[in-house]
Amino acid sequence: MRVILAEDSTLLREGLVRLLAEEGHEVLAAVGDGDALTAAVARDTPDVVVVDVRMPPTHTDEGLRAALEVRGRWPDVGVLVLSQYVERRYATELITADAAGVGYLLKDRVAQVDEFLDALDRVGAGGAAFDPEVVRRLLAASSHTDPLARLTARERDVLDQMAQGRTNASIAEQLYISQSAVEKHTNAIFDKLDLSRSGGYSRRVLAVLRYLGS
């Protein structure tokens, strides 16, 4: 996989470069700010960019804005965002811009090498990868609103896994239930969120967006 990194911490950036190279990925560039990221993508389009939310000069949302620019100009490029904290607005803005080929991980998750590499692979393949802690906090923040409050505990578990970008088979494995049970819970979620089969949109994506944006 061809990857461009954007991370202002030299130590973390170089560590990721080494890790990705060892795993057989090609690191096209490793930069320290958002402008350098978009310039690097323009020079040599990667499969995925890995970008920190907060980068110079103000260390607020430069990385996010660069990531959204990449998504707008090069929609086929996957975007995996790293953040020190759960920043609900950033996660919501990223996923509502385009739900395919995106991910949002807390930096602590990078230390879990297998989980980080799995997230990178999923984003590179056009899927989604959201940190379980991010999903839990987003789901908790929306629990006071209807119709999300109508979901059962098991349906919330399934929705939590859906938001992490997992397939029905993967959800079944994670929750130790059958795939048919996952399909039953998924259909119940769609019904309770009033997501019809018509309209030309993925009900799975709309279900995730419903609680992320609530």
N, C-alpha and C. Protein backbone atom coordinates (compact mmCIF):
# COMPACT_ATOMS: atom_id res chain seq x y z
N MET A 1 0.84 -1.19 0.00
CA MET A 1 0.00 0.00 0.00
C MET A 1 0.88 1.25 0.00
N ARG A 2 0.49 2.25 -0.76
CA ARG A 2 1.24 3.51 -0.84
C ARG A 2 0.65 4.49 0.17
N VAL A 3 1.48 5.00 1.06
CA VAL A 3 1.01 5.81 2.19
C VAL A 3 1.79 7.11 2.28
N ILE A 4 1.08 8.19 2.65
CA ILE A 4 1.71 9.46 3.02
C ILE A 4 1.34 9.77 4.45
N LEU A 5 2.33 10.11 5.27
CA LEU A 5 2.12 10.43 6.67
C LEU A 5 2.20 11.94 6.90
N ALA A 6 1.34 12.44 7.77
CA ALA A 6 1.40 13.84 8.19
C ALA A 6 1.28 13.88 9.71
N GLU A 7 2.40 14.10 10.37
CA GLU A 7 2.47 14.07 11.83
C GLU A 7 3.60 15.00 12.26
N ASP A 8 3.30 15.97 13.16
CA ASP A 8 4.31 16.94 13.52
C ASP A 8 5.31 16.43 14.56
N SER A 9 4.98 15.35 15.25
CA SER A 9 5.91 14.76 16.20
C SER A 9 6.93 13.92 15.43
N THR A 10 8.17 14.37 15.41
CA THR A 10 9.20 13.67 14.65
C THR A 10 9.36 12.23 15.13
N LEU A 11 9.30 12.03 16.44
CA LEU A 11 9.48 10.69 16.99
C LEU A 11 8.39 9.74 16.50
N LEU A 12 7.13 10.18 16.59
CA LEU A 12 6.03 9.34 16.15
C LEU A 12 6.06 9.15 14.63
N ARG A 13 6.36 10.22 13.92
CA ARG A 13 6.40 10.14 12.46
C ARG A 13 7.44 9.12 11.99
N GLU A 14 8.64 9.21 12.53
CA GLU A 14 9.69 8.29 12.11
C GLU A 14 9.38 6.86 12.55
N GLY A 15 8.75 6.73 13.70
CA GLY A 15 8.35 5.40 14.15
C GLY A 15 7.34 4.76 13.22
N LEU A 16 6.38 5.56 12.74
CA LEU A 16 5.38 5.05 11.81
C LEU A 16 6.00 4.71 10.46
N VAL A 17 6.93 5.53 10.02
CA VAL A 17 7.62 5.24 8.76
C VAL A 17 8.31 3.89 8.84
N ARG A 18 9.00 3.66 9.93
CA ARG A 18 9.73 2.41 10.10
C ARG A 18 8.76 1.22 10.18
N LEU A 19 7.67 1.39 10.94
CA LEU A 19 6.69 0.32 11.08
C LEU A 19 6.07 -0.05 9.74
N LEU A 20 5.65 0.96 8.99
CA LEU A 20 5.00 0.70 7.71
C LEU A 20 5.95 0.06 6.71
N ALA A 21 7.19 0.51 6.72
CA ALA A 21 8.18 -0.08 5.81
C ALA A 21 8.41 -1.55 6.16
N GLU A 22 8.47 -1.85 7.45
CA GLU A 22 8.67 -3.24 7.88
C GLU A 22 7.50 -4.13 7.49
N GLU A 23 6.30 -3.53 7.40
CA GLU A 23 5.11 -4.29 7.03
C GLU A 23 4.92 -4.38 5.51
N GLY A 24 5.87 -3.83 4.77
CA GLY A 24 5.81 -3.93 3.31
C GLY A 24 5.08 -2.81 2.61
N HIS A 25 4.69 -1.77 3.35
CA HIS A 25 4.02 -0.62 2.72
C HIS A 25 5.07 0.36 2.18
N GLU A 26 4.68 1.11 1.17
CA GLU A 26 5.58 2.12 0.58
C GLU A 26 5.20 3.50 1.12
N VAL A 27 6.09 4.12 1.88
CA VAL A 27 5.84 5.46 2.41
C VAL A 27 6.35 6.47 1.39
N LEU A 28 5.43 7.14 0.71
CA LEU A 28 5.81 8.09 -0.34
C LEU A 28 6.38 9.38 0.23
N ALA A 29 5.87 9.80 1.40
CA ALA A 29 6.33 11.03 2.04
C ALA A 29 5.92 11.01 3.50
N ALA A 30 6.69 11.70 4.33
CA ALA A 30 6.37 11.86 5.75
C ALA A 30 6.60 13.32 6.08
N VAL A 31 5.51 14.05 6.35
CA VAL A 31 5.58 15.51 6.48
C VAL A 31 5.07 15.95 7.84
N GLY A 32 5.26 17.25 8.15
CA GLY A 32 4.94 17.74 9.48
C GLY A 32 3.84 18.77 9.56
N ASP A 33 3.15 19.08 8.44
CA ASP A 33 2.04 20.03 8.50
C ASP A 33 1.06 19.78 7.36
N GLY A 34 -0.10 20.43 7.45
CA GLY A 34 -1.17 20.18 6.50
C GLY A 34 -0.85 20.62 5.09
N ASP A 35 -0.21 21.77 4.93
CA ASP A 35 0.13 22.24 3.58
C ASP A 35 1.08 21.28 2.89
N ALA A 36 2.04 20.78 3.65
CA ALA A 36 2.99 19.82 3.08
C ALA A 36 2.28 18.52 2.68
N LEU A 37 1.23 18.16 3.43
CA LEU A 37 0.46 16.96 3.10
C LEU A 37 -0.20 17.09 1.74
N THR A 38 -0.95 18.17 1.54
CA THR A 38 -1.65 18.33 0.26
C THR A 38 -0.66 18.45 -0.89
N ALA A 39 0.48 19.10 -0.66
CA ALA A 39 1.50 19.21 -1.71
C ALA A 39 2.06 17.83 -2.05
N ALA A 40 2.27 17.00 -1.03
CA ALA A 40 2.81 15.66 -1.26
C ALA A 40 1.82 14.79 -2.03
N VAL A 41 0.54 14.91 -1.70
CA VAL A 41 -0.48 14.13 -2.41
C VAL A 41 -0.56 14.57 -3.86
N ALA A 42 -0.44 15.87 -4.09
CA ALA A 42 -0.48 16.39 -5.46
C ALA A 42 0.68 15.87 -6.29
N ARG A 43 1.83 15.68 -5.65
CA ARG A 43 3.01 15.19 -6.38
C ARG A 43 2.91 13.71 -6.70
N ASP A 44 2.39 12.93 -5.77
CA ASP A 44 2.37 11.48 -5.93
C ASP A 44 1.19 10.92 -5.13
N THR A 45 0.08 10.63 -5.80
CA THR A 45 -1.15 10.24 -5.12
C THR A 45 -1.01 8.88 -4.45
N PRO A 46 -1.27 8.81 -3.14
CA PRO A 46 -1.16 7.55 -2.40
C PRO A 46 -2.48 6.80 -2.37
N ASP A 47 -2.45 5.63 -1.75
CA ASP A 47 -3.69 4.91 -1.48
C ASP A 47 -4.35 5.45 -0.22
N VAL A 48 -3.53 5.80 0.77
CA VAL A 48 -4.04 6.28 2.06
C VAL A 48 -3.13 7.38 2.60
N VAL A 49 -3.73 8.38 3.25
CA VAL A 49 -2.95 9.33 4.04
C VAL A 49 -3.28 9.09 5.51
N VAL A 50 -2.26 9.17 6.33
CA VAL A 50 -2.42 9.08 7.79
C VAL A 50 -2.07 10.45 8.34
N VAL A 51 -3.02 11.10 9.00
CA VAL A 51 -2.83 12.50 9.35
C VAL A 51 -3.27 12.81 10.78
N ASP A 52 -2.46 13.58 11.47
CA ASP A 52 -2.80 14.06 12.82
C ASP A 52 -3.78 15.22 12.69
N VAL A 53 -4.74 15.30 13.62
CA VAL A 53 -5.72 16.40 13.58
C VAL A 53 -5.05 17.74 13.85
N ARG A 54 -4.20 17.79 14.86
CA ARG A 54 -3.62 19.07 15.29
C ARG A 54 -2.16 19.16 14.86
N MET A 55 -1.92 20.14 13.97
CA MET A 55 -0.56 20.33 13.46
C MET A 55 -0.26 21.82 13.35
N PRO A 56 1.01 22.19 13.08
CA PRO A 56 1.38 23.60 12.97
C PRO A 56 0.59 24.28 11.85
N PRO A 57 0.41 25.64 11.95
CA PRO A 57 1.07 26.50 12.96
C PRO A 57 0.27 26.70 14.25
N THR A 58 -1.05 26.46 14.23
CA THR A 58 -1.85 26.78 15.43
C THR A 58 -2.15 25.55 16.28
N HIS A 59 -1.88 24.37 15.75
CA HIS A 59 -2.15 23.12 16.47
C HIS A 59 -3.62 23.01 16.89
N THR A 60 -4.51 23.40 15.99
CA THR A 60 -5.95 23.25 16.25
C THR A 60 -6.53 22.20 15.29
N ASP A 61 -6.89 22.62 14.08
CA ASP A 61 -7.53 21.67 13.16
C ASP A 61 -6.88 21.64 11.78
N GLU A 62 -5.61 22.05 11.69
CA GLU A 62 -4.95 22.08 10.38
C GLU A 62 -4.94 20.71 9.71
N GLY A 63 -4.68 19.68 10.49
CA GLY A 63 -4.63 18.34 9.92
C GLY A 63 -5.98 17.89 9.40
N LEU A 64 -7.04 18.20 10.14
CA LEU A 64 -8.38 17.84 9.70
C LEU A 64 -8.74 18.57 8.41
N ARG A 65 -8.44 19.85 8.35
CA ARG A 65 -8.78 20.61 7.14
C ARG A 65 -8.00 20.09 5.94
N ALA A 66 -6.76 19.70 6.16
CA ALA A 66 -5.98 19.11 5.08
C ALA A 66 -6.57 17.77 4.64
N ALA A 67 -7.02 16.98 5.62
CA ALA A 67 -7.63 15.68 5.32
C ALA A 67 -8.90 15.86 4.49
N LEU A 68 -9.72 16.83 4.87
CA LEU A 68 -10.95 17.09 4.13
C LEU A 68 -10.65 17.60 2.72
N GLU A 69 -9.59 18.39 2.58
CA GLU A 69 -9.18 18.86 1.25
C GLU A 69 -8.74 17.68 0.38
N VAL A 70 -8.00 16.76 0.99
CA VAL A 70 -7.58 15.57 0.25
C VAL A 70 -8.80 14.78 -0.21
N ARG A 71 -9.78 14.62 0.68
CA ARG A 71 -11.00 13.88 0.31
C ARG A 71 -11.74 14.56 -0.82
N GLY A 72 -11.74 15.91 -0.80
CA GLY A 72 -12.44 16.64 -1.85
C GLY A 72 -11.74 16.59 -3.19
N ARG A 73 -10.42 16.69 -3.19
CA ARG A 73 -9.66 16.73 -4.45
C ARG A 73 -9.30 15.35 -4.98
N TRP A 74 -9.09 14.40 -4.06
CA TRP A 74 -8.72 13.05 -4.46
C TRP A 74 -9.63 12.06 -3.71
N PRO A 75 -10.87 11.91 -4.15
CA PRO A 75 -11.85 11.12 -3.39
C PRO A 75 -11.51 9.64 -3.28
N ASP A 76 -10.62 9.14 -4.10
CA ASP A 76 -10.25 7.73 -4.01
C ASP A 76 -9.17 7.46 -2.97
N VAL A 77 -8.62 8.52 -2.40
CA VAL A 77 -7.56 8.35 -1.40
C VAL A 77 -8.21 8.13 -0.02
N GLY A 78 -7.83 7.06 0.66
CA GLY A 78 -8.32 6.82 2.00
C GLY A 78 -7.68 7.77 2.99
N VAL A 79 -8.41 8.10 4.05
CA VAL A 79 -7.93 9.02 5.07
C VAL A 79 -8.06 8.39 6.45
N LEU A 80 -6.94 8.22 7.13
CA LEU A 80 -6.93 7.71 8.50
C LEU A 80 -6.42 8.83 9.41
N VAL A 81 -7.33 9.36 10.23
CA VAL A 81 -7.01 10.49 11.10
C VAL A 81 -6.59 9.98 12.48
N LEU A 82 -5.55 10.61 13.03
CA LEU A 82 -5.09 10.31 14.38
C LEU A 82 -5.38 11.51 15.27
N SER A 83 -5.81 11.27 16.49
CA SER A 83 -6.12 12.36 17.41
C SER A 83 -5.73 11.98 18.82
N GLN A 84 -5.29 12.96 19.58
CA GLN A 84 -4.91 12.71 20.98
C GLN A 84 -6.14 12.49 21.85
N TYR A 85 -7.25 13.14 21.48
CA TYR A 85 -8.46 13.08 22.29
C TYR A 85 -9.65 12.73 21.41
N VAL A 86 -10.77 12.39 22.05
CA VAL A 86 -12.02 12.17 21.32
C VAL A 86 -12.62 13.54 21.02
N GLU A 87 -12.57 13.93 19.77
CA GLU A 87 -13.07 15.24 19.37
C GLU A 87 -14.28 15.00 18.47
N ARG A 88 -15.46 15.08 19.07
CA ARG A 88 -16.70 14.65 18.41
C ARG A 88 -16.95 15.39 17.10
N ARG A 89 -16.72 16.71 17.10
CA ARG A 89 -17.00 17.49 15.89
C ARG A 89 -16.14 17.03 14.72
N TYR A 90 -14.88 16.72 15.00
CA TYR A 90 -13.97 16.30 13.93
C TYR A 90 -14.40 14.96 13.34
N ALA A 91 -14.73 14.01 14.21
CA ALA A 91 -15.15 12.70 13.72
C ALA A 91 -16.42 12.80 12.90
N THR A 92 -17.37 13.62 13.35
CA THR A 92 -18.63 13.78 12.64
C THR A 92 -18.40 14.43 11.29
N GLU A 93 -17.58 15.47 11.24
CA GLU A 93 -17.34 16.17 9.98
C GLU A 93 -16.66 15.26 8.98
N LEU A 94 -15.74 14.45 9.44
CA LEU A 94 -15.02 13.57 8.54
C LEU A 94 -15.94 12.52 7.93
N ILE A 95 -16.75 11.86 8.76
CA ILE A 95 -17.58 10.78 8.25
C ILE A 95 -18.74 11.30 7.41
N THR A 96 -19.24 12.50 7.73
CA THR A 96 -20.33 13.03 6.92
C THR A 96 -19.83 13.54 5.58
N ALA A 97 -18.53 13.84 5.47
CA ALA A 97 -17.98 14.26 4.19
C ALA A 97 -18.00 13.09 3.20
N ASP A 98 -17.71 11.90 3.66
CA ASP A 98 -17.74 10.69 2.84
C ASP A 98 -17.44 9.52 3.75
N ALA A 99 -18.34 8.57 3.81
CA ALA A 99 -18.21 7.49 4.79
C ALA A 99 -17.32 6.35 4.32
N ALA A 100 -16.89 6.35 3.07
CA ALA A 100 -16.07 5.25 2.55
C ALA A 100 -14.60 5.62 2.61
N GLY A 101 -13.78 4.66 3.06
CA GLY A 101 -12.35 4.89 3.08
C GLY A 101 -11.90 5.92 4.08
N VAL A 102 -12.53 5.92 5.27
CA VAL A 102 -12.14 6.87 6.31
C VAL A 102 -11.95 6.15 7.64
N GLY A 103 -11.11 6.72 8.48
CA GLY A 103 -10.90 6.16 9.81
C GLY A 103 -10.53 7.25 10.79
N TYR A 104 -10.77 6.99 12.07
CA TYR A 104 -10.46 7.95 13.13
C TYR A 104 -9.98 7.14 14.33
N LEU A 105 -8.71 7.26 14.66
CA LEU A 105 -8.13 6.53 15.77
C LEU A 105 -7.53 7.48 16.80
N LEU A 106 -7.63 7.08 18.05
CA LEU A 106 -6.88 7.79 19.09
C LEU A 106 -5.42 7.36 18.99
N LYS A 107 -4.53 8.29 19.32
CA LYS A 107 -3.10 8.00 19.17
C LYS A 107 -2.66 6.85 20.06
N ASP A 108 -3.34 6.65 21.18
CA ASP A 108 -3.00 5.51 22.03
C ASP A 108 -3.16 4.20 21.27
N ARG A 109 -4.09 4.18 20.30
CA ARG A 109 -4.35 2.96 19.55
C ARG A 109 -3.17 2.60 18.65
N VAL A 110 -2.36 3.61 18.28
CA VAL A 110 -1.21 3.34 17.42
C VAL A 110 -0.23 2.40 18.12
N ALA A 111 -0.20 2.48 19.45
CA ALA A 111 0.69 1.60 20.21
C ALA A 111 0.26 0.14 20.08
N GLN A 112 -1.01 -0.09 19.79
CA GLN A 112 -1.51 -1.44 19.53
C GLN A 112 -1.29 -1.71 18.04
N VAL A 113 -0.10 -2.19 17.72
CA VAL A 113 0.34 -2.26 16.33
C VAL A 113 -0.64 -3.01 15.43
N ASP A 114 -1.12 -4.17 15.88
CA ASP A 114 -2.02 -4.95 15.06
C ASP A 114 -3.31 -4.20 14.76
N GLU A 115 -3.84 -3.49 15.75
CA GLU A 115 -5.08 -2.74 15.56
C GLU A 115 -4.86 -1.57 14.60
N PHE A 116 -3.72 -0.90 14.73
CA PHE A 116 -3.42 0.20 13.82
C PHE A 116 -3.29 -0.30 12.38
N LEU A 117 -2.58 -1.39 12.18
CA LEU A 117 -2.38 -1.92 10.84
C LEU A 117 -3.69 -2.44 10.25
N ASP A 118 -4.53 -3.03 11.10
CA ASP A 118 -5.83 -3.50 10.64
C ASP A 118 -6.69 -2.31 10.18
N ALA A 119 -6.67 -1.22 10.96
CA ALA A 119 -7.43 -0.03 10.58
C ALA A 119 -6.92 0.54 9.26
N LEU A 120 -5.60 0.57 9.10
CA LEU A 120 -5.02 1.07 7.86
C LEU A 120 -5.45 0.23 6.67
N ASP A 121 -5.43 -1.09 6.83
CA ASP A 121 -5.84 -1.98 5.75
C ASP A 121 -7.31 -1.77 5.39
N ARG A 122 -8.17 -1.61 6.41
CA ARG A 122 -9.60 -1.42 6.15
C ARG A 122 -9.86 -0.12 5.41
N VAL A 123 -9.19 0.94 5.82
CA VAL A 123 -9.36 2.23 5.15
C VAL A 123 -8.84 2.15 3.72
N GLY A 124 -7.68 1.51 3.55
CA GLY A 124 -7.11 1.37 2.21
C GLY A 124 -7.98 0.57 1.27
N ALA A 125 -8.79 -0.34 1.83
CA ALA A 125 -9.69 -1.16 1.03
C ALA A 125 -11.04 -0.48 0.80
N GLY A 126 -11.18 0.77 1.26
CA GLY A 126 -12.43 1.49 1.06
C GLY A 126 -13.43 1.35 2.18
N GLY A 127 -13.02 0.72 3.29
CA GLY A 127 -13.91 0.57 4.43
C GLY A 127 -13.76 1.70 5.43
N ALA A 128 -14.25 1.46 6.63
CA ALA A 128 -14.18 2.46 7.70
C ALA A 128 -13.53 1.84 8.92
N ALA A 129 -12.87 2.66 9.72
CA ALA A 129 -12.21 2.17 10.93
C ALA A 129 -12.26 3.26 11.99
N PHE A 130 -13.15 3.10 12.96
CA PHE A 130 -13.29 4.09 14.01
C PHE A 130 -12.93 3.47 15.36
N ASP A 131 -12.11 4.19 16.11
CA ASP A 131 -11.65 3.72 17.41
C ASP A 131 -12.85 3.38 18.30
N PRO A 132 -12.85 2.22 18.94
CA PRO A 132 -13.97 1.86 19.81
C PRO A 132 -14.29 2.91 20.86
N GLU A 133 -13.26 3.56 21.42
CA GLU A 133 -13.51 4.59 22.44
C GLU A 133 -14.21 5.80 21.83
N VAL A 134 -13.83 6.16 20.61
CA VAL A 134 -14.50 7.26 19.92
C VAL A 134 -15.97 6.91 19.72
N VAL A 135 -16.22 5.70 19.24
CA VAL A 135 -17.59 5.27 18.99
C VAL A 135 -18.41 5.26 20.28
N ARG A 136 -17.82 4.75 21.36
CA ARG A 136 -18.55 4.70 22.64
C ARG A 136 -18.95 6.09 23.10
N ARG A 137 -18.03 7.04 22.98
CA ARG A 137 -18.33 8.40 23.46
C ARG A 137 -19.34 9.09 22.56
N LEU A 138 -19.25 8.85 21.26
CA LEU A 138 -20.23 9.43 20.35
C LEU A 138 -21.60 8.84 20.61
N LEU A 139 -21.64 7.54 20.83
CA LEU A 139 -22.91 6.88 21.10
C LEU A 139 -23.49 7.34 22.43
N ALA A 140 -22.64 7.51 23.44
CA ALA A 140 -23.11 7.98 24.75
C ALA A 140 -23.65 9.39 24.65
N ALA A 141 -23.01 10.22 23.83
CA ALA A 141 -23.44 11.61 23.69
C ALA A 141 -24.80 11.72 23.03
N SER A 142 -25.16 10.69 22.25
CA SER A 142 -26.44 10.76 21.53
C SER A 142 -27.54 9.94 22.20
N SER A 143 -27.25 9.31 23.34
CA SER A 143 -28.20 8.37 23.92
C SER A 143 -29.47 9.04 24.45
N HIS A 144 -29.40 10.36 24.65
CA HIS A 144 -30.57 11.04 25.19
C HIS A 144 -31.59 11.39 24.13
N THR A 145 -31.27 11.15 22.87
CA THR A 145 -32.15 11.57 21.79
C THR A 145 -32.93 10.39 21.25
N ASP A 146 -34.15 10.66 20.77
CA ASP A 146 -34.94 9.67 20.08
C ASP A 146 -34.67 9.81 18.59
N PRO A 147 -34.74 8.73 17.79
CA PRO A 147 -35.15 7.38 18.17
C PRO A 147 -34.01 6.49 18.68
N LEU A 148 -32.81 7.03 18.82
CA LEU A 148 -31.70 6.19 19.27
C LEU A 148 -31.96 5.57 20.64
N ALA A 149 -32.70 6.27 21.48
CA ALA A 149 -33.00 5.76 22.82
C ALA A 149 -33.87 4.52 22.76
N ARG A 150 -34.48 4.24 21.61
CA ARG A 150 -35.34 3.08 21.46
C ARG A 150 -34.54 1.80 21.23
N LEU A 151 -33.27 1.92 20.96
CA LEU A 151 -32.46 0.73 20.68
C LEU A 151 -32.21 -0.06 21.96
N THR A 152 -32.21 -1.38 21.82
CA THR A 152 -31.87 -2.24 22.96
C THR A 152 -30.36 -2.23 23.17
N ALA A 153 -29.93 -2.79 24.29
CA ALA A 153 -28.50 -2.85 24.58
C ALA A 153 -27.75 -3.62 23.50
N ARG A 154 -28.32 -4.74 23.05
CA ARG A 154 -27.66 -5.53 22.02
C ARG A 154 -27.61 -4.78 20.69
N GLU A 155 -28.70 -4.07 20.38
CA GLU A 155 -28.70 -3.28 19.14
C GLU A 155 -27.66 -2.17 19.19
N ARG A 156 -27.45 -1.61 20.38
CA ARG A 156 -26.39 -0.60 20.53
C ARG A 156 -25.01 -1.23 20.33
N ASP A 157 -24.85 -2.45 20.83
CA ASP A 157 -23.59 -3.15 20.62
C ASP A 157 -23.32 -3.34 19.13
N VAL A 158 -24.35 -3.74 18.41
CA VAL A 158 -24.22 -3.96 16.97
C VAL A 158 -23.91 -2.64 16.26
N LEU A 159 -24.61 -1.58 16.64
CA LEU A 159 -24.37 -0.27 16.03
C LEU A 159 -22.97 0.23 16.33
N ASP A 160 -22.50 -0.05 17.54
CA ASP A 160 -21.13 0.30 17.92
C ASP A 160 -20.14 -0.37 16.97
N GLN A 161 -20.34 -1.64 16.69
CA GLN A 161 -19.45 -2.37 15.80
C GLN A 161 -19.59 -1.90 14.35
N MET A 162 -20.81 -1.57 13.93
CA MET A 162 -21.03 -1.04 12.59
C MET A 162 -20.24 0.25 12.40
N ALA A 163 -20.25 1.10 13.42
CA ALA A 163 -19.57 2.38 13.33
C ALA A 163 -18.05 2.24 13.24
N GLN A 164 -17.55 1.09 13.68
CA GLN A 164 -16.12 0.81 13.56
C GLN A 164 -15.76 0.29 12.17
N GLY A 165 -16.78 0.14 11.33
CA GLY A 165 -16.54 -0.29 9.96
C GLY A 165 -16.56 -1.79 9.75
N ARG A 166 -17.05 -2.55 10.73
CA ARG A 166 -17.02 -4.00 10.63
C ARG A 166 -18.19 -4.54 9.79
N THR A 167 -17.93 -5.64 9.12
CA THR A 167 -18.96 -6.35 8.37
C THR A 167 -19.82 -7.16 9.33
N ASN A 168 -20.94 -7.69 8.82
CA ASN A 168 -21.80 -8.51 9.67
C ASN A 168 -21.06 -9.73 10.21
N ALA A 169 -20.24 -10.34 9.36
CA ALA A 169 -19.48 -11.52 9.80
C ALA A 169 -18.51 -11.15 10.92
N SER A 170 -17.87 -10.00 10.78
CA SER A 170 -16.92 -9.57 11.81
C SER A 170 -17.64 -9.21 13.10
N ILE A 171 -18.82 -8.57 12.98
CA ILE A 171 -19.61 -8.23 14.17
C ILE A 171 -20.02 -9.50 14.92
N ALA A 172 -20.45 -10.51 14.16
CA ALA A 172 -20.84 -11.77 14.79
C ALA A 172 -19.69 -12.37 15.58
N GLU A 173 -18.49 -12.29 15.00
CA GLU A 173 -17.32 -12.83 15.67
C GLU A 173 -16.99 -12.04 16.93
N GLN A 174 -17.07 -10.73 16.85
CA GLN A 174 -16.73 -9.87 17.98
C GLN A 174 -17.72 -10.04 19.13
N LEU A 175 -19.02 -10.21 18.81
CA LEU A 175 -20.06 -10.27 19.85
C LEU A 175 -20.45 -11.69 20.22
N TYR A 176 -19.82 -12.68 19.58
CA TYR A 176 -20.09 -14.09 19.87
C TYR A 176 -21.56 -14.45 19.66
N ILE A 177 -22.09 -13.97 18.53
CA ILE A 177 -23.45 -14.32 18.15
C ILE A 177 -23.42 -14.76 16.69
N SER A 178 -24.53 -15.31 16.22
CA SER A 178 -24.59 -15.78 14.84
C SER A 178 -24.72 -14.61 13.88
N GLN A 179 -24.35 -14.86 12.62
CA GLN A 179 -24.48 -13.81 11.62
C GLN A 179 -25.94 -13.48 11.36
N SER A 180 -26.81 -14.49 11.45
CA SER A 180 -28.25 -14.24 11.26
C SER A 180 -28.78 -13.35 12.38
N ALA A 181 -28.24 -13.50 13.60
CA ALA A 181 -28.65 -12.63 14.70
C ALA A 181 -28.21 -11.20 14.44
N VAL A 182 -27.01 -11.04 13.90
CA VAL A 182 -26.53 -9.70 13.55
C VAL A 182 -27.46 -9.07 12.51
N GLU A 183 -27.83 -9.82 11.50
CA GLU A 183 -28.73 -9.31 10.47
C GLU A 183 -30.08 -8.91 11.06
N LYS A 184 -30.58 -9.72 12.02
CA LYS A 184 -31.85 -9.40 12.69
C LYS A 184 -31.73 -8.08 13.46
N HIS A 185 -30.65 -7.92 14.23
CA HIS A 185 -30.46 -6.69 14.99
C HIS A 185 -30.27 -5.49 14.07
N THR A 186 -29.54 -5.70 12.97
CA THR A 186 -29.31 -4.61 12.02
C THR A 186 -30.61 -4.13 11.42
N ASN A 187 -31.48 -5.06 11.03
CA ASN A 187 -32.77 -4.68 10.47
C ASN A 187 -33.63 -3.96 11.50
N ALA A 188 -33.52 -4.38 12.76
CA ALA A 188 -34.28 -3.71 13.83
C ALA A 188 -33.78 -2.27 14.00
N ILE A 189 -32.47 -2.10 13.91
CA ILE A 189 -31.89 -0.74 14.00
C ILE A 189 -32.43 0.13 12.88
N PHE A 190 -32.42 -0.40 11.65
CA PHE A 190 -32.92 0.37 10.52
C PHE A 190 -34.39 0.76 10.73
N ASP A 191 -35.19 -0.18 11.22
CA ASP A 191 -36.62 0.09 11.44
C ASP A 191 -36.81 1.17 12.50
N LYS A 192 -36.07 1.06 13.62
CA LYS A 192 -36.24 2.02 14.71
C LYS A 192 -35.72 3.41 14.35
N LEU A 193 -34.79 3.47 13.40
CA LEU A 193 -34.28 4.76 12.95
C LEU A 193 -35.04 5.27 11.73
N ASP A 194 -36.09 4.54 11.35
CA ASP A 194 -36.94 4.93 10.20
C ASP A 194 -36.13 5.08 8.93
N LEU A 195 -35.25 4.12 8.68
CA LEU A 195 -34.43 4.13 7.46
C LEU A 195 -35.01 3.13 6.48
N SER A 196 -35.67 3.64 5.45
CA SER A 196 -36.31 2.77 4.47
C SER A 196 -35.30 2.27 3.46
N ARG A 197 -35.71 1.27 2.69
CA ARG A 197 -34.83 0.71 1.66
C ARG A 197 -34.72 1.63 0.44
N SER A 198 -35.63 2.54 0.28
CA SER A 198 -35.62 3.42 -0.88
C SER A 198 -34.74 4.63 -0.63
N GLY A 199 -34.46 5.38 -1.67
CA GLY A 199 -33.72 6.64 -1.52
C GLY A 199 -32.32 6.58 -2.09
N GLY A 200 -31.81 5.39 -2.42
CA GLY A 200 -30.51 5.29 -3.06
C GLY A 200 -29.32 5.45 -2.13
N TYR A 201 -29.54 5.44 -0.81
CA TYR A 201 -28.43 5.59 0.14
C TYR A 201 -28.26 4.31 0.95
N SER A 202 -27.04 4.07 1.41
CA SER A 202 -26.77 2.91 2.26
C SER A 202 -27.39 3.13 3.63
N ARG A 203 -28.30 2.23 4.02
CA ARG A 203 -28.93 2.36 5.34
C ARG A 203 -27.89 2.16 6.44
N ARG A 204 -26.89 1.35 6.17
CA ARG A 204 -25.83 1.12 7.15
C ARG A 204 -25.09 2.41 7.45
N VAL A 205 -24.73 3.13 6.40
CA VAL A 205 -24.04 4.41 6.57
C VAL A 205 -24.95 5.43 7.25
N LEU A 206 -26.21 5.48 6.83
CA LEU A 206 -27.14 6.45 7.41
C LEU A 206 -27.37 6.19 8.89
N ALA A 207 -27.39 4.91 9.30
CA ALA A 207 -27.57 4.59 10.71
C ALA A 207 -26.42 5.14 11.54
N VAL A 208 -25.19 4.97 11.03
CA VAL A 208 -24.02 5.50 11.74
C VAL A 208 -24.05 7.02 11.77
N LEU A 209 -24.37 7.64 10.64
CA LEU A 209 -24.41 9.09 10.58
C LEU A 209 -25.49 9.66 11.49
N ARG A 210 -26.59 8.93 11.67
CA ARG A 210 -27.69 9.43 12.48
C ARG A 210 -27.24 9.72 13.90
N TYR A 211 -26.48 8.80 14.50
CA TYR A 211 -26.09 9.07 15.89
C TYR A 211 -24.82 9.89 15.97
N LEU A 212 -23.96 9.83 14.96
CA LEU A 212 -22.77 10.69 14.98
C LEU A 212 -23.18 12.16 14.92
N GLY A 213 -24.21 12.45 14.14
CA GLY A 213 -24.60 13.84 13.96
C GLY A 213 -25.66 14.32 14.91
N SER A 214 -26.16 13.44 15.79
CA SER A 214 -27.25 13.84 16.68
C SER A 214 -26.74 14.60 17.89
